Amino acid sequence: MTFRKKYILCVLKLAAVSASHCTLVIKAILTNLFTKTLYISNIELYLANF
């Protein structure tokens, strides 16, 4: 295996890892936003019924 092939494989591995990490972060942010909106709408419903 040449140095170039090793380098390319290493870059691909790094890209794959960072991509999966990125999707995890995006999922976490989306989940966080979703729960916040649900929480806020629940408060609004509660206040409306109050």
PDB file of N, CA and C in Angstrom:
ATOM      1  N   MET A   1       0.843  -1.194   0.000  1.00  0.00           N
ATOM      2  CA  MET A   1       0.000   0.000   0.000  1.00  0.00           C
ATOM      3  C   MET A   1       0.884   1.252   0.000  1.00  0.00           C
ATOM      4  N   THR A   2       0.635   2.122  -0.912  1.00  0.00           N
ATOM      5  CA  THR A   2       1.457   3.326  -1.005  1.00  0.00           C
ATOM      6  C   THR A   2       1.023   4.356   0.021  1.00  0.00           C
ATOM      7  N   PHE A   3       1.866   5.329   0.201  1.00  0.00           N
ATOM      8  CA  PHE A   3       1.567   6.397   1.155  1.00  0.00           C
ATOM      9  C   PHE A   3       0.309   7.149   0.739  1.00  0.00           C
ATOM     10  N   ARG A   4       0.174   7.339  -0.564  1.00  0.00           N
ATOM     11  CA  ARG A   4      -0.968   8.101  -1.076  1.00  0.00           C
ATOM     12  C   ARG A   4      -2.285   7.398  -0.762  1.00  0.00           C
ATOM     13  N   LYS A   5      -2.317   6.088  -0.962  1.00  0.00           N
ATOM     14  CA  LYS A   5      -3.533   5.323  -0.666  1.00  0.00           C
ATOM     15  C   LYS A   5      -3.862   5.394   0.818  1.00  0.00           C
ATOM     16  N   LYS A   6      -2.834   5.260   1.658  1.00  0.00           N
ATOM     17  CA  LYS A   6      -3.046   5.350   3.102  1.00  0.00           C
ATOM     18  C   LYS A   6      -3.625   6.707   3.461  1.00  0.00           C
ATOM     19  N   TYR A   7      -3.069   7.750   2.858  1.00  0.00           N
ATOM     20  CA  TYR A   7      -3.516   9.115   3.132  1.00  0.00           C
ATOM     21  C   TYR A   7      -4.979   9.288   2.743  1.00  0.00           C
ATOM     22  N   ILE A   8      -5.336   8.801   1.551  1.00  0.00           N
ATOM     23  CA  ILE A   8      -6.715   8.920   1.061  1.00  0.00           C
ATOM     24  C   ILE A   8      -7.672   8.163   1.977  1.00  0.00           C
ATOM     25  N   LEU A   9      -7.282   6.941   2.390  1.00  0.00           N
ATOM     26  CA  LEU A   9      -8.123   6.159   3.298  1.00  0.00           C
ATOM     27  C   LEU A   9      -8.310   6.878   4.625  1.00  0.00           C
ATOM     28  N   CYS A  10      -7.233   7.482   5.120  1.00  0.00           N
ATOM     29  CA  CYS A  10      -7.294   8.211   6.384  1.00  0.00           C
ATOM     30  C   CYS A  10      -8.252   9.388   6.268  1.00  0.00           C
ATOM     31  N   VAL A  11      -8.160  10.124   5.178  1.00  0.00           N
ATOM     32  CA  VAL A  11      -9.043  11.274   4.953  1.00  0.00           C
ATOM     33  C   VAL A  11     -10.494  10.819   4.858  1.00  0.00           C
ATOM     34  N   LEU A  12     -10.730   9.708   4.148  1.00  0.00           N
ATOM     35  CA  LEU A  12     -12.087   9.179   4.022  1.00  0.00           C
ATOM     36  C   LEU A  12     -12.647   8.770   5.373  1.00  0.00           C
ATOM     37  N   LYS A  13     -11.804   8.118   6.201  1.00  0.00           N
ATOM     38  CA  LYS A  13     -12.249   7.721   7.539  1.00  0.00           C
ATOM     39  C   LYS A  13     -12.613   8.943   8.364  1.00  0.00           C
ATOM     40  N   LEU A  14     -11.756   9.958   8.319  1.00  0.00           N
ATOM     41  CA  LEU A  14     -12.021  11.190   9.068  1.00  0.00           C
ATOM     42  C   LEU A  14     -13.314  11.838   8.596  1.00  0.00           C
ATOM     43  N   ALA A  15     -13.515  11.859   7.281  1.00  0.00           N
ATOM     44  CA  ALA A  15     -14.727  12.454   6.724  1.00  0.00           C
ATOM     45  C   ALA A  15     -15.960  11.692   7.193  1.00  0.00           C
ATOM     46  N   ALA A  16     -15.871  10.367   7.206  1.00  0.00           N
ATOM     47  CA  ALA A  16     -17.003   9.545   7.643  1.00  0.00           C
ATOM     48  C   ALA A  16     -17.314   9.793   9.111  1.00  0.00           C
ATOM     49  N   VAL A  17     -16.270   9.853   9.935  1.00  0.00           N
ATOM     50  CA  VAL A  17     -16.463  10.075  11.370  1.00  0.00           C
ATOM     51  C   VAL A  17     -17.064  11.446  11.624  1.00  0.00           C
ATOM     52  N   SER A  18     -16.517  12.476  10.973  1.00  0.00           N
ATOM     53  CA  SER A  18     -17.039  13.824  11.202  1.00  0.00           C
ATOM     54  C   SER A  18     -18.455  13.963  10.662  1.00  0.00           C
ATOM     55  N   ALA A  19     -18.769  13.258   9.575  1.00  0.00           N
ATOM     56  CA  ALA A  19     -20.123  13.311   9.023  1.00  0.00           C
ATOM     57  C   ALA A  19     -21.121  12.697   9.992  1.00  0.00           C
ATOM     58  N   SER A  20     -20.766  11.546  10.567  1.00  0.00           N
ATOM     59  CA  SER A  20     -21.683  10.905  11.513  1.00  0.00           C
ATOM     60  C   SER A  20     -21.817  11.756  12.765  1.00  0.00           C
ATOM     61  N   HIS A  21     -20.719  12.371  13.195  1.00  0.00           N
ATOM     62  CA  HIS A  21     -20.765  13.251  14.365  1.00  0.00           C
ATOM     63  C   HIS A  21     -21.659  14.449  14.065  1.00  0.00           C
ATOM     64  N   CYS A  22     -21.523  14.974  12.853  1.00  0.00           N
ATOM     65  CA  CYS A  22     -22.321  16.135  12.440  1.00  0.00           C
ATOM     66  C   CYS A  22     -23.806  15.792  12.453  1.00  0.00           C
ATOM     67  N   THR A  23     -24.180  14.627  11.931  1.00  0.00           N
ATOM     68  CA  THR A  23     -25.595  14.251  11.925  1.00  0.00           C
ATOM     69  C   THR A  23     -26.108  14.081  13.343  1.00  0.00           C
ATOM     70  N   LEU A  24     -25.261  13.553  14.237  1.00  0.00           N
ATOM     71  CA  LEU A  24     -25.664  13.412  15.641  1.00  0.00           C
ATOM     72  C   LEU A  24     -25.935  14.775  16.253  1.00  0.00           C
ATOM     73  N   VAL A  25     -25.048  15.735  15.972  1.00  0.00           N
ATOM     74  CA  VAL A  25     -25.209  17.088  16.515  1.00  0.00           C
ATOM     75  C   VAL A  25     -26.484  17.722  15.974  1.00  0.00           C
ATOM     76  N   ILE A  26     -26.717  17.566  14.657  1.00  0.00           N
ATOM     77  CA  ILE A  26     -27.922  18.132  14.040  1.00  0.00           C
ATOM     78  C   ILE A  26     -29.171  17.496  14.648  1.00  0.00           C
ATOM     79  N   LYS A  27     -29.148  16.168  14.832  1.00  0.00           N
ATOM     80  CA  LYS A  27     -30.289  15.482  15.455  1.00  0.00           C
ATOM     81  C   LYS A  27     -30.544  16.015  16.854  1.00  0.00           C
ATOM     82  N   ALA A  28     -29.465  16.209  17.610  1.00  0.00           N
ATOM     83  CA  ALA A  28     -29.605  16.711  18.979  1.00  0.00           C
ATOM     84  C   ALA A  28     -30.213  18.112  18.981  1.00  0.00           C
ATOM     85  N   ILE A  29     -29.740  18.965  18.076  1.00  0.00           N
ATOM     86  CA  ILE A  29     -30.268  20.335  17.996  1.00  0.00           C
ATOM     87  C   ILE A  29     -31.737  20.314  17.604  1.00  0.00           C
ATOM     88  N   LEU A  30     -32.080  19.507  16.594  1.00  0.00           N
ATOM     89  CA  LEU A  30     -33.472  19.417  16.153  1.00  0.00           C
ATOM     90  C   LEU A  30     -34.368  18.895  17.265  1.00  0.00           C
ATOM     91  N   THR A  31     -33.908  17.872  17.971  1.00  0.00           N
ATOM     92  CA  THR A  31     -34.688  17.320  19.083  1.00  0.00           C
ATOM     93  C   THR A  31     -34.894  18.377  20.153  1.00  0.00           C
ATOM     94  N   ASN A  32     -33.826  19.112  20.454  1.00  0.00           N
ATOM     95  CA  ASN A  32     -33.879  20.167  21.456  1.00  0.00           C
ATOM     96  C   ASN A  32     -34.897  21.232  21.052  1.00  0.00           C
ATOM     97  N   LEU A  33     -34.838  21.667  19.786  1.00  0.00           N
ATOM     98  CA  LEU A  33     -35.780  22.680  19.292  1.00  0.00           C
ATOM     99  C   LEU A  33     -37.201  22.151  19.360  1.00  0.00           C
ATOM    100  N   PHE A  34     -37.380  20.886  18.972  1.00  0.00           N
ATOM    101  CA  PHE A  34     -38.707  20.277  18.955  1.00  0.00           C
ATOM    102  C   PHE A  34     -39.299  20.230  20.360  1.00  0.00           C
ATOM    103  N   THR A  35     -38.502  19.792  21.343  1.00  0.00           N
ATOM    104  CA  THR A  35     -39.012  19.710  22.714  1.00  0.00           C
ATOM    105  C   THR A  35     -39.304  21.100  23.261  1.00  0.00           C
ATOM    106  N   LYS A  36     -38.481  22.080  22.890  1.00  0.00           N
ATOM    107  CA  LYS A  36     -38.729  23.452  23.349  1.00  0.00           C
ATOM    108  C   LYS A  36     -40.043  23.976  22.788  1.00  0.00           C
ATOM    109  N   THR A  37     -40.290  23.738  21.502  1.00  0.00           N
ATOM    110  CA  THR A  37     -41.542  24.212  20.903  1.00  0.00           C
ATOM    111  C   THR A  37     -42.732  23.522  21.541  1.00  0.00           C
ATOM    112  N   LEU A  38     -42.609  22.214  21.786  1.00  0.00           N
ATOM    113  CA  LEU A  38     -43.691  21.487  22.456  1.00  0.00           C
ATOM    114  C   LEU A  38     -43.939  22.072  23.838  1.00  0.00           C
ATOM    115  N   TYR A  39     -42.871  22.340  24.558  1.00  0.00           N
ATOM    116  CA  TYR A  39     -42.966  22.889  25.911  1.00  0.00           C
ATOM    117  C   TYR A  39     -43.657  24.247  25.892  1.00  0.00           C
ATOM    118  N   ILE A  40     -43.237  25.103  24.947  1.00  0.00           N
ATOM    119  CA  ILE A  40     -43.825  26.444  24.840  1.00  0.00           C
ATOM    120  C   ILE A  40     -45.299  26.357  24.460  1.00  0.00           C
ATOM    121  N   SER A  41     -45.644  25.490  23.499  1.00  0.00           N
ATOM    122  CA  SER A  41     -47.048  25.368  23.092  1.00  0.00           C
ATOM    123  C   SER A  41     -47.894  24.810  24.233  1.00  0.00           C
ATOM    124  N   ASN A  42     -47.323  23.932  25.054  1.00  0.00           N
ATOM    125  CA  ASN A  42     -48.045  23.416  26.217  1.00  0.00           C
ATOM    126  C   ASN A  42     -48.325  24.527  27.214  1.00  0.00           C
ATOM    127  N   ILE A  43     -47.358  25.405  27.429  1.00  0.00           N
ATOM    128  CA  ILE A  43     -47.549  26.541  28.340  1.00  0.00           C
ATOM    129  C   ILE A  43     -48.645  27.455  27.799  1.00  0.00           C
ATOM    130  N   GLU A  44     -48.612  27.701  26.490  1.00  0.00           N
ATOM    131  CA  GLU A  44     -49.632  28.557  25.879  1.00  0.00           C
ATOM    132  C   GLU A  44     -51.016  27.936  26.032  1.00  0.00           C
ATOM    133  N   LEU A  45     -51.124  26.639  25.821  1.00  0.00           N
ATOM    134  CA  LEU A  45     -52.398  25.938  26.000  1.00  0.00           C
ATOM    135  C   LEU A  45     -52.866  26.045  27.444  1.00  0.00           C
ATOM    136  N   TYR A  46     -51.941  25.865  28.369  1.00  0.00           N
ATOM    137  CA  TYR A  46     -52.266  25.932  29.792  1.00  0.00           C
ATOM    138  C   TYR A  46     -52.779  27.323  30.151  1.00  0.00           C
ATOM    139  N   LEU A  47     -52.087  28.347  29.651  1.00  0.00           N
ATOM    140  CA  LEU A  47     -52.495  29.726  29.945  1.00  0.00           C
ATOM    141  C   LEU A  47     -53.840  30.044  29.298  1.00  0.00           C
ATOM    142  N   ALA A  48     -54.068  29.492  28.100  1.00  0.00           N
ATOM    143  CA  ALA A  48     -55.330  29.742  27.406  1.00  0.00           C
ATOM    144  C   ALA A  48     -56.495  29.109  28.174  1.00  0.00           C
ATOM    145  N   ASN A  49     -56.264  27.925  28.732  1.00  0.00           N
ATOM    146  CA  ASN A  49     -57.311  27.249  29.495  1.00  0.00           C
ATOM    147  C   ASN A  49     -57.486  27.858  30.876  1.00  0.00           C
ATOM    148  N   PHE A  50     -56.468  28.503  31.362  1.00  0.00           N
ATOM    149  CA  PHE A  50     -56.498  29.104  32.688  1.00  0.00           C
ATOM    150  C   PHE A  50     -57.366  30.349  32.646  1.00  0.00           C
TER     151      PHE A  50
END
